[in-house]
PDB file of N, CA and C in Angstrom:
ATOM      1  N   MET A   1      61.406 112.414 100.596  1.00  0.00           N
ATOM      2  CA  MET A   1      60.993 112.269 101.635  1.00  0.00           C
ATOM      3  C   MET A   1      61.065 111.101 102.122  1.00  0.00           C
ATOM      4  N   GLN A   2      61.858 110.445 103.396  1.00  0.00           N
ATOM      5  CA  GLN A   2      62.179 109.357 104.064  1.00  0.00           C
ATOM      6  C   GLN A   2      61.559 109.781 105.427  1.00  0.00           C
ATOM      7  N   GLY A   3      60.413 109.177 105.910  1.00  0.00           N
ATOM      8  CA  GLY A   3      59.632 109.529 107.264  1.00  0.00           C
ATOM      9  C   GLY A   3      59.594 110.888 107.468  1.00  0.00           C
ATOM     10  N   ARG A   4      60.212 111.225 108.553  1.00  0.00           N
ATOM     11  CA  ARG A   4      59.237 112.870 108.642  1.00  0.00           C
ATOM     12  C   ARG A   4      60.132 113.868 108.243  1.00  0.00           C
ATOM     13  N   CYS A   5      61.522 113.285 107.408  1.00  0.00           N
ATOM     14  CA  CYS A   5      62.411 114.359 106.712  1.00  0.00           C
ATOM     15  C   CYS A   5      62.358 114.621 105.635  1.00  0.00           C
ATOM     16  N   PHE A   6      61.967 115.974 105.077  1.00  0.00           N
ATOM     17  CA  PHE A   6      62.321 116.300 103.707  1.00  0.00           C
ATOM     18  C   PHE A   6      63.283 116.698 103.272  1.00  0.00           C
ATOM     19  N   SER A   7      63.803 116.526 102.296  1.00  0.00           N
ATOM     20  CA  SER A   7      65.107 116.693 101.636  1.00  0.00           C
ATOM     21  C   SER A   7      65.269 117.143  99.959  1.00  0.00           C
ATOM     22  N   CYS A   8      65.972 118.354 100.122  1.00  0.00           N
ATOM     23  CA  CYS A   8      66.065 118.111  98.645  1.00  0.00           C
ATOM     24  C   CYS A   8      67.415 118.850  98.320  1.00  0.00           C
ATOM     25  N   VAL A   9      67.833 119.178  97.244  1.00  0.00           N
ATOM     26  CA  VAL A   9      69.151 119.940  96.955  1.00  0.00           C
ATOM     27  C   VAL A   9      68.717 120.659  95.387  1.00  0.00           C
ATOM     28  N   ILE A  10      68.880 122.035  95.589  1.00  0.00           N
ATOM     29  CA  ILE A  10      68.962 122.839  94.849  1.00  0.00           C
ATOM     30  C   ILE A  10      70.115 123.819  94.116  1.00  0.00           C
ATOM     31  N   ALA A  11      70.350 123.571  92.818  1.00  0.00           N
ATOM     32  CA  ALA A  11      71.273 124.545  92.375  1.00  0.00           C
ATOM     33  C   ALA A  11      71.358 125.428  91.107  1.00  0.00           C
ATOM     34  N   ASN A  12      71.882 126.341  91.229  1.00  0.00           N
ATOM     35  CA  ASN A  12      71.462 127.447  90.004  1.00  0.00           C
ATOM     36  C   ASN A  12      73.144 128.204  89.740  1.00  0.00           C
ATOM     37  N   THR A  13      73.119 128.486  88.897  1.00  0.00           N
ATOM     38  CA  THR A  13      74.188 129.523  87.789  1.00  0.00           C
ATOM     39  C   THR A  13      74.723 130.399  88.739  1.00  0.00           C
ATOM     40  N   LYS A  14      75.365 131.397  88.779  1.00  0.00           N
ATOM     41  CA  LYS A  14      75.558 132.547  89.051  1.00  0.00           C
ATOM     42  C   LYS A  14      76.890 133.188  88.198  1.00  0.00           C
ATOM     43  N   SER A  15      76.937 134.717  88.443  1.00  0.00           N
ATOM     44  CA  SER A  15      77.980 135.237  87.577  1.00  0.00           C
ATOM     45  C   SER A  15      79.008 135.373  88.733  1.00  0.00           C
ATOM     46  N   PRO A  16      80.343 135.300  88.387  1.00  0.00           N
ATOM     47  CA  PRO A  16      81.416 135.347  89.345  1.00  0.00           C
ATOM     48  C   PRO A  16      81.287 136.551  89.706  1.00  0.00           C
ATOM     49  N   GLY A  17      82.076 136.768  90.877  1.00  0.00           N
ATOM     50  CA  GLY A  17      82.530 137.853  91.574  1.00  0.00           C
ATOM     51  C   GLY A  17      81.358 138.151  92.792  1.00  0.00           C
ATOM     52  N   THR A  18      81.161 139.184  93.307  1.00  0.00           N
ATOM     53  CA  THR A  18      80.460 139.510  94.595  1.00  0.00           C
ATOM     54  C   THR A  18      79.366 140.813  93.944  1.00  0.00           C
ATOM     55  N   LEU A  19      78.401 140.916  94.693  1.00  0.00           N
ATOM     56  CA  LEU A  19      77.551 142.058  94.615  1.00  0.00           C
ATOM     57  C   LEU A  19      78.106 143.256  94.848  1.00  0.00           C
ATOM     58  N   PRO A  20      77.555 144.599  94.605  1.00  0.00           N
ATOM     59  CA  PRO A  20      77.774 145.480  94.784  1.00  0.00           C
ATOM     60  C   PRO A  20      78.001 145.921  96.129  1.00  0.00           C
ATOM     61  N   GLY A  21      79.536 146.280  96.803  1.00  0.00           N
ATOM     62  CA  GLY A  21      79.823 146.778  98.188  1.00  0.00           C
ATOM     63  C   GLY A  21      80.133 145.413  98.719  1.00  0.00           C
ATOM     64  N   GLY A  22      80.481 144.466  98.149  1.00  0.00           N
ATOM     65  CA  GLY A  22      81.196 143.448  98.613  1.00  0.00           C
ATOM     66  C   GLY A  22      80.604 142.189  99.063  1.00  0.00           C
ATOM     67  N   VAL A  23      79.419 142.456  98.732  1.00  0.00           N
ATOM     68  CA  VAL A  23      78.344 141.094  99.424  1.00  0.00           C
ATOM     69  C   VAL A  23      78.478 139.978  98.700  1.00  0.00           C
ATOM     70  N   PRO A  24      78.986 138.881  99.555  1.00  0.00           N
ATOM     71  CA  PRO A  24      79.476 137.695  98.446  1.00  0.00           C
ATOM     72  C   PRO A  24      78.142 136.609  97.911  1.00  0.00           C
ATOM     73  N   HIS A  25      76.776 137.111  98.385  1.00  0.00           N
ATOM     74  CA  HIS A  25      75.598 136.478  98.000  1.00  0.00           C
ATOM     75  C   HIS A  25      74.658 137.300  98.241  1.00  0.00           C
ATOM     76  N   GLY A  26      73.440 137.084  97.647  1.00  0.00           N
ATOM     77  CA  GLY A  26      72.552 137.770  97.450  1.00  0.00           C
ATOM     78  C   GLY A  26      71.499 137.670  99.221  1.00  0.00           C
ATOM     79  N   ILE A  27      70.450 138.786  99.020  1.00  0.00           N
ATOM     80  CA  ILE A  27      69.628 138.507 100.274  1.00  0.00           C
ATOM     81  C   ILE A  27      69.014 137.606 100.228  1.00  0.00           C
ATOM     82  N   GLY A  28      68.425 137.179  99.088  1.00  0.00           N
ATOM     83  CA  GLY A  28      67.724 136.028  99.517  1.00  0.00           C
ATOM     84  C   GLY A  28      67.853 134.637  99.999  1.00  0.00           C
ATOM     85  N   LEU A  29      69.499 134.011 100.462  1.00  0.00           N
ATOM     86  CA  LEU A  29      69.795 132.948 100.869  1.00  0.00           C
ATOM     87  C   LEU A  29      69.782 133.826 102.370  1.00  0.00           C
ATOM     88  N   LEU A  30      70.469 134.690 102.713  1.00  0.00           N
ATOM     89  CA  LEU A  30      70.397 135.277 104.252  1.00  0.00           C
ATOM     90  C   LEU A  30      68.752 135.001 105.146  1.00  0.00           C
ATOM     91  N   ASN A  31      67.416 135.655 103.735  1.00  0.00           N
ATOM     92  CA  ASN A  31      66.083 135.593 104.364  1.00  0.00           C
ATOM     93  C   ASN A  31      66.158 134.198 104.061  1.00  0.00           C
ATOM     94  N   VAL A  32      66.325 133.018 103.430  1.00  0.00           N
ATOM     95  CA  VAL A  32      66.042 131.474 103.816  1.00  0.00           C
ATOM     96  C   VAL A  32      66.729 130.897 104.991  1.00  0.00           C
ATOM     97  N   GLN A  33      67.742 131.530 105.280  1.00  0.00           N
ATOM     98  CA  GLN A  33      68.404 131.105 106.675  1.00  0.00           C
ATOM     99  C   GLN A  33      67.617 131.535 108.089  1.00  0.00           C
ATOM    100  N   GLN A  34      67.320 132.925 107.948  1.00  0.00           N
ATOM    101  CA  GLN A  34      66.778 133.454 109.243  1.00  0.00           C
ATOM    102  C   GLN A  34      65.217 132.758 109.260  1.00  0.00           C
ATOM    103  N   ARG A  35      64.522 132.493 108.172  1.00  0.00           N
ATOM    104  CA  ARG A  35      62.758 131.909 108.272  1.00  0.00           C
ATOM    105  C   ARG A  35      63.269 130.518 108.834  1.00  0.00           C
ATOM    106  N   LEU A  36      64.001 129.856 108.315  1.00  0.00           N
ATOM    107  CA  LEU A  36      64.536 128.601 109.077  1.00  0.00           C
ATOM    108  C   LEU A  36      64.917 128.068 110.296  1.00  0.00           C
ATOM    109  N   ARG A  37      65.331 129.271 110.809  1.00  0.00           N
ATOM    110  CA  ARG A  37      65.808 129.468 112.058  1.00  0.00           C
ATOM    111  C   ARG A  37      64.473 129.563 113.107  1.00  0.00           C
ATOM    112  N   LEU A  38      63.774 130.613 112.754  1.00  0.00           N
ATOM    113  CA  LEU A  38      62.365 131.002 113.082  1.00  0.00           C
ATOM    114  C   LEU A  38      61.436 129.602 113.075  1.00  0.00           C
ATOM    115  N   LEU A  39      61.266 128.903 111.438  1.00  0.00           N
ATOM    116  CA  LEU A  39      60.033 128.357 111.924  1.00  0.00           C
ATOM    117  C   LEU A  39      60.639 126.827 112.141  1.00  0.00           C
ATOM    118  N   TYR A  40      62.028 126.458 111.463  1.00  0.00           N
ATOM    119  CA  TYR A  40      62.254 124.915 112.528  1.00  0.00           C
ATOM    120  C   TYR A  40      63.552 125.069 112.936  1.00  0.00           C
ATOM    121  N   PRO A  41      63.367 125.409 114.331  1.00  0.00           N
ATOM    122  CA  PRO A  41      64.705 126.136 115.388  1.00  0.00           C
ATOM    123  C   PRO A  41      64.741 124.325 115.476  1.00  0.00           C
ATOM    124  N   GLN A  42      66.474 123.926 115.122  1.00  0.00           N
ATOM    125  CA  GLN A  42      66.769 123.006 115.434  1.00  0.00           C
ATOM    126  C   GLN A  42      66.727 121.658 115.084  1.00  0.00           C
ATOM    127  N   GLN A  43      65.278 122.348 114.135  1.00  0.00           N
ATOM    128  CA  GLN A  43      64.883 120.779 112.798  1.00  0.00           C
ATOM    129  C   GLN A  43      65.157 120.961 111.577  1.00  0.00           C
ATOM    130  N   HIS A  44      66.430 121.565 111.091  1.00  0.00           N
ATOM    131  CA  HIS A  44      66.716 121.842 109.476  1.00  0.00           C
ATOM    132  C   HIS A  44      68.058 121.727 109.674  1.00  0.00           C
ATOM    133  N   ARG A  45      68.814 121.362 108.312  1.00  0.00           N
ATOM    134  CA  ARG A  45      70.203 121.868 107.871  1.00  0.00           C
ATOM    135  C   ARG A  45      70.241 122.405 106.518  1.00  0.00           C
ATOM    136  N   PHE A  46      70.842 123.549 106.531  1.00  0.00           N
ATOM    137  CA  PHE A  46      70.968 124.219 105.344  1.00  0.00           C
ATOM    138  C   PHE A  46      72.469 124.786 104.922  1.00  0.00           C
ATOM    139  N   GLU A  47      72.512 123.796 103.892  1.00  0.00           N
ATOM    140  CA  GLU A  47      74.142 123.906 103.366  1.00  0.00           C
ATOM    141  C   GLU A  47      74.295 124.467 102.676  1.00  0.00           C
ATOM    142  N   ILE A  48      75.226 125.343 102.088  1.00  0.00           N
ATOM    143  CA  ILE A  48      75.548 126.172 100.867  1.00  0.00           C
ATOM    144  C   ILE A  48      76.865 125.449 100.236  1.00  0.00           C
ATOM    145  N   ASP A  49      76.932 125.377  98.625  1.00  0.00           N
ATOM    146  CA  ASP A  49      78.201 124.855  97.763  1.00  0.00           C
ATOM    147  C   ASP A  49      78.418 126.080  97.533  1.00  0.00           C
ATOM    148  N   ALA A  50      79.090 127.197  97.554  1.00  0.00           N
ATOM    149  CA  ALA A  50      79.340 128.164  96.559  1.00  0.00           C
ATOM    150  C   ALA A  50      80.734 127.976  95.818  1.00  0.00           C
ATOM    151  N   ARG A  51      80.684 128.075  94.492  1.00  0.00           N
ATOM    152  CA  ARG A  51      81.667 127.830  93.206  1.00  0.00           C
ATOM    153  C   ARG A  51      81.701 128.839  92.836  1.00  0.00           C
ATOM    154  N   ASP A  52      82.430 129.138  91.741  1.00  0.00           N
ATOM    155  CA  ASP A  52      82.546 130.074  90.903  1.00  0.00           C
ATOM    156  C   ASP A  52      81.705 130.501  90.135  1.00  0.00           C
ATOM    157  N   ASP A  53      81.069 129.532  89.608  1.00  0.00           N
ATOM    158  CA  ASP A  53      79.844 129.188  88.285  1.00  0.00           C
ATOM    159  C   ASP A  53      78.269 129.099  89.368  1.00  0.00           C
ATOM    160  N   THR A  54      78.575 128.528  90.226  1.00  0.00           N
ATOM    161  CA  THR A  54      77.256 128.024  90.682  1.00  0.00           C
ATOM    162  C   THR A  54      77.128 127.791  92.220  1.00  0.00           C
ATOM    163  N   PHE A  55      76.034 127.861  92.472  1.00  0.00           N
ATOM    164  CA  PHE A  55      75.185 127.574  94.248  1.00  0.00           C
ATOM    165  C   PHE A  55      74.358 126.202  94.077  1.00  0.00           C
ATOM    166  N   THR A  56      75.243 125.580  94.839  1.00  0.00           N
ATOM    167  CA  THR A  56      74.315 124.552  95.573  1.00  0.00           C
ATOM    168  C   THR A  56      73.764 124.360  96.499  1.00  0.00           C
ATOM    169  N   VAL A  57      72.376 124.375  96.833  1.00  0.00           N
ATOM    170  CA  VAL A  57      71.824 124.422  98.261  1.00  0.00           C
ATOM    171  C   VAL A  57      71.412 122.917  98.593  1.00  0.00           C
ATOM    172  N   HIS A  58      71.988 122.125  99.965  1.00  0.00           N
ATOM    173  CA  HIS A  58      71.017 121.092 100.412  1.00  0.00           C
ATOM    174  C   HIS A  58      70.277 121.423 101.667  1.00  0.00           C
ATOM    175  N   LEU A  59      69.069 121.010 101.443  1.00  0.00           N
ATOM    176  CA  LEU A  59      67.848 121.482 102.576  1.00  0.00           C
ATOM    177  C   LEU A  59      67.542 120.185 103.308  1.00  0.00           C
ATOM    178  N   THR A  60      67.225 120.003 104.351  1.00  0.00           N
ATOM    179  CA  THR A  60      66.846 119.098 105.000  1.00  0.00           C
ATOM    180  C   THR A  60      65.777 119.596 106.049  1.00  0.00           C
ATOM    181  N   LEU A  61      64.731 119.295 106.408  1.00  0.00           N
ATOM    182  CA  LEU A  61      63.460 120.116 107.238  1.00  0.00           C
ATOM    183  C   LEU A  61      63.309 118.320 108.062  1.00  0.00           C
ATOM    184  N   LYS A  62      62.957 118.393 109.332  1.00  0.00           N
ATOM    185  CA  LYS A  62      62.439 117.659 110.353  1.00  0.00           C
ATOM    186  C   LYS A  62      60.885 117.997 110.317  1.00  0.00           C
ATOM    187  N   LEU A  63      60.383 117.296 109.692  1.00  0.00           N
ATOM    188  CA  LEU A  63      58.783 117.917 110.039  1.00  0.00           C
ATOM    189  C   LEU A  63      57.854 117.660 111.093  1.00  0.00           C
ATOM    190  N   PRO A  64      57.466 118.244 111.344  1.00  0.00           N
ATOM    191  CA  PRO A  64      56.091 117.623 112.853  1.00  0.00           C
ATOM    192  C   PRO A  64      55.715 116.921 112.425  1.00  0.00           C
ATOM    193  N   GLU A  65      55.075 115.782 113.348  1.00  0.00           N
ATOM    194  CA  GLU A  65      54.040 115.036 113.478  1.00  0.00           C
ATOM    195  C   GLU A  65      52.720 115.581 113.149  1.00  0.00           C
ATOM    196  N   PRO A  66      51.579 114.906 112.206  1.00  0.00           N
ATOM    197  CA  PRO A  66      50.745 115.237 111.851  1.00  0.00           C
ATOM    198  C   PRO A  66      49.905 114.955 113.251  1.00  0.00           C
ATOM    199  N   GLY A  67      49.053 116.241 113.025  1.00  0.00           N
ATOM    200  CA  GLY A  67      48.155 116.218 114.306  1.00  0.00           C
ATOM    201  C   GLY A  67      46.924 115.485 113.980  1.00  0.00           C
ATOM    202  N   PRO A  68      45.826 115.275 114.745  1.00  0.00           N
ATOM    203  CA  PRO A  68      44.523 114.572 114.619  1.00  0.00           C
ATOM    204  C   PRO A  68      43.930 115.135 113.190  1.00  0.00           C
ATOM    205  N   ALA A  69      43.277 114.700 112.615  1.00  0.00           N
ATOM    206  CA  ALA A  69      42.346 114.962 111.366  1.00  0.00           C
ATOM    207  C   ALA A  69      41.068 115.747 111.831  1.00  0.00           C
ATOM    208  N   ARG A  70      41.131 117.070 111.457  1.00  0.00           N
ATOM    209  CA  ARG A  70      39.856 117.581 111.526  1.00  0.00           C
ATOM    210  C   ARG A  70      39.055 118.193 110.378  1.00  0.00           C
ATOM    211  N   PRO A  71      37.750 118.135 110.509  1.00  0.00           N
ATOM    212  CA  PRO A  71      37.250 118.429 109.229  1.00  0.00           C
ATOM    213  C   PRO A  71      37.351 120.523 108.770  1.00  0.00           C
ATOM    214  N   SER A  72      37.609 121.029 107.914  1.00  0.00           N
ATOM    215  CA  SER A  72      37.853 122.118 107.650  1.00  0.00           C
ATOM    216  C   SER A  72      36.705 122.949 107.645  1.00  0.00           C
ATOM    217  N   ARG A  73      36.386 123.920 108.739  1.00  0.00           N
ATOM    218  CA  ARG A  73      35.051 124.554 108.537  1.00  0.00           C
ATOM    219  C   ARG A  73      34.924 126.156 107.922  1.00  0.00           C
ATOM    220  N   ALA A  74      36.311 126.245 108.105  1.00  0.00           N
ATOM    221  CA  ALA A  74      36.950 127.668 107.050  1.00  0.00           C
ATOM    222  C   ALA A  74      36.540 128.126 105.935  1.00  0.00           C
ATOM    223  N   ARG A  75      35.918 129.057 105.847  1.00  0.00           N
ATOM    224  CA  ARG A  75      35.433 129.534 104.621  1.00  0.00           C
ATOM    225  C   ARG A  75      36.723 130.716 104.044  1.00  0.00           C
ATOM    226  N   HIS A  76      36.765 130.190 102.675  1.00  0.00           N
ATOM    227  CA  HIS A  76      37.672 130.889 102.066  1.00  0.00           C
ATOM    228  C   HIS A  76      37.076 132.804 102.239  1.00  0.00           C
ATOM    229  N   PRO A  77      37.652 133.792 102.184  1.00  0.00           N
ATOM    230  CA  PRO A  77      37.412 135.237 102.796  1.00  0.00           C
ATOM    231  C   PRO A  77      36.568 135.510 101.068  1.00  0.00           C
ATOM    232  N   PHE A  78      37.462 135.227 100.291  1.00  0.00           N
ATOM    233  CA  PHE A  78      36.878 135.747  98.827  1.00  0.00           C
ATOM    234  C   PHE A  78      36.410 134.973  98.206  1.00  0.00           C
ATOM    235  N   PRO A  79      35.129 133.730  98.290  1.00  0.00           N
ATOM    236  CA  PRO A  79      34.863 132.898  97.528  1.00  0.00           C
ATOM    237  C   PRO A  79      34.968 132.806  96.039  1.00  0.00           C
ATOM    238  N   ALA A  80      34.514 133.935  95.628  1.00  0.00           N
ATOM    239  CA  ALA A  80      34.668 134.528  94.109  1.00  0.00           C
ATOM    240  C   ALA A  80      36.298 134.210  93.536  1.00  0.00           C
ATOM    241  N   LEU A  81      37.095 134.449  94.352  1.00  0.00           N
ATOM    242  CA  LEU A  81      38.348 134.296  93.429  1.00  0.00           C
ATOM    243  C   LEU A  81      38.985 132.767  93.906  1.00  0.00           C
ATOM    244  N   THR A  82      38.400 131.764  94.637  1.00  0.00           N
ATOM    245  CA  THR A  82      38.839 130.576  94.539  1.00  0.00           C
ATOM    246  C   THR A  82      38.876 129.670  93.301  1.00  0.00           C
ATOM    247  N   ALA A  83      39.675 128.551  93.427  1.00  0.00           N
ATOM    248  CA  ALA A  83      40.440 128.217  91.703  1.00  0.00           C
ATOM    249  C   ALA A  83      38.792 127.548  91.501  1.00  0.00           C
ATOM    250  N   GLY A  84      38.543 127.541  90.368  1.00  0.00           N
ATOM    251  CA  GLY A  84      37.411 127.393  89.331  1.00  0.00           C
ATOM    252  C   GLY A  84      36.142 127.922  89.346  1.00  0.00           C
ATOM    253  N   SER A  85      36.014 129.059  90.414  1.00  0.00           N
ATOM    254  CA  SER A  85      34.656 129.730  90.445  1.00  0.00           C
ATOM    255  C   SER A  85      34.524 131.034  89.741  1.00  0.00           C
ATOM    256  N   ARG A  86      35.402 131.595  89.310  1.00  0.00           N
ATOM    257  CA  ARG A  86      35.592 132.729  88.222  1.00  0.00           C
ATOM    258  C   ARG A  86      34.915 132.179  87.243  1.00  0.00           C
ATOM    259  N   ARG A  87      34.347 133.107  86.793  1.00  0.00           N
ATOM    260  CA  ARG A  87      33.589 133.132  85.494  1.00  0.00           C
ATOM    261  C   ARG A  87      33.935 134.044  84.650  1.00  0.00           C
ATOM    262  N   SER A  88      33.889 134.091  83.151  1.00  0.00           N
ATOM    263  CA  SER A  88      34.769 134.631  82.716  1.00  0.00           C
ATOM    264  C   SER A  88      33.218 135.890  82.491  1.00  0.00           C
ATOM    265  N   GLY A  89      33.816 137.370  82.691  1.00  0.00           N
ATOM    266  CA  GLY A  89      32.892 138.416  82.601  1.00  0.00           C
ATOM    267  C   GLY A  89      32.384 138.808  83.957  1.00  0.00           C
ATOM    268  N   ALA A  90      32.372 137.947  84.731  1.00  0.00           N
ATOM    269  CA  ALA A  90      31.889 138.277  86.377  1.00  0.00           C
ATOM    270  C   ALA A  90      32.642 139.070  87.245  1.00  0.00           C
ATOM    271  N   ALA A  91      31.869 140.036  87.532  1.00  0.00           N
ATOM    272  CA  ALA A  91      32.497 141.194  88.589  1.00  0.00           C
ATOM    273  C   ALA A  91      33.068 140.669  89.903  1.00  0.00           C
ATOM    274  N   ARG A  92      33.715 141.069  90.247  1.00  0.00           N
ATOM    275  CA  ARG A  92      34.924 140.600  91.517  1.00  0.00           C
ATOM    276  C   ARG A  92      34.297 141.137  92.562  1.00  0.00           C
ATOM    277  N   PRO A  93      33.721 140.622  93.733  1.00  0.00           N
ATOM    278  CA  PRO A  93      33.100 141.511  94.754  1.00  0.00           C
ATOM    279  C   PRO A  93      34.436 141.782  95.372  1.00  0.00           C
ATOM    280  N   SER A  94      33.737 142.995  96.426  1.00  0.00           N
ATOM    281  CA  SER A  94      34.894 143.663  97.092  1.00  0.00           C
ATOM    282  C   SER A  94      34.898 143.146  98.481  1.00  0.00           C
ATOM    283  N   PRO A  95      36.222 143.308  98.848  1.00  0.00           N
ATOM    284  CA  PRO A  95      36.652 142.162 100.180  1.00  0.00           C
ATOM    285  C   PRO A  95      35.829 142.906 101.102  1.00  0.00           C
ATOM    286  N   PRO A  96      35.369 141.786 102.590  1.00  0.00           N
ATOM    287  CA  PRO A  96      34.518 143.148 103.798  1.00  0.00           C
ATOM    288  C   PRO A  96      34.785 144.012 103.941  1.00  0.00           C
ATOM    289  N   GLY A  97      34.079 145.057 104.415  1.00  0.00           N
ATOM    290  CA  GLY A  97      34.695 145.776 104.841  1.00  0.00           C
ATOM    291  C   GLY A  97      35.059 147.309 103.551  1.00  0.00           C
ATOM    292  N   LEU A  98      35.127 146.720 102.760  1.00  0.00           N
ATOM    293  CA  LEU A  98      35.496 147.818 101.420  1.00  0.00           C
ATOM    294  C   LEU A  98      34.266 148.041 100.564  1.00  0.00           C
ATOM    295  N   THR A  99      34.463 149.307 100.301  1.00  0.00           N
ATOM    296  CA  THR A  99      33.191 149.424  99.483  1.00  0.00           C
ATOM    297  C   THR A  99      33.752 150.050  97.936  1.00  0.00           C
ATOM    298  N   PRO A 100      33.142 149.479  96.785  1.00  0.00           N
ATOM    299  CA  PRO A 100      33.993 149.733  95.629  1.00  0.00           C
ATOM    300  C   PRO A 100      33.984 151.101  95.153  1.00  0.00           C
ATOM    301  N   ARG A 101      34.907 151.540  94.181  1.00  0.00           N
ATOM    302  CA  ARG A 101      34.857 152.900  94.014  1.00  0.00           C
ATOM    303  C   ARG A 101      33.940 153.380  93.033  1.00  0.00           C
ATOM    304  N   ARG A 102      33.633 154.490  92.752  1.00  0.00           N
ATOM    305  CA  ARG A 102      32.118 154.665  91.361  1.00  0.00           C
ATOM    306  C   ARG A 102      33.044 156.094  90.969  1.00  0.00           C
ATOM    307  N   ALA A 103      33.136 155.495  89.429  1.00  0.00           N
ATOM    308  CA  ALA A 103      33.790 156.904  88.484  1.00  0.00           C
ATOM    309  C   ALA A 103      33.179 157.657  88.452  1.00  0.00           C
TER     310      ALA A 103
END
């Protein structure tokens, strides 16, 4: 991370050829590109280097400036499921508005 920019490079091996139907890459890359356009419009760079046996993705995000710090007053909706609060053998509470099933 440099200043307000986050950069990373991700590389992965792949099988040669295309997916059934002639699709040259999976739907995952298309989903990532669409989400980046929605979440970081004009604030990202996403480059794919597709070779015979590898994909390499270069991603750069321009991150927003942090807002003023505010104390968090939000409560977790299911406090029994937060990290470190579950005890072995303890029953899980039902989510608000739902009643547990009876056998």
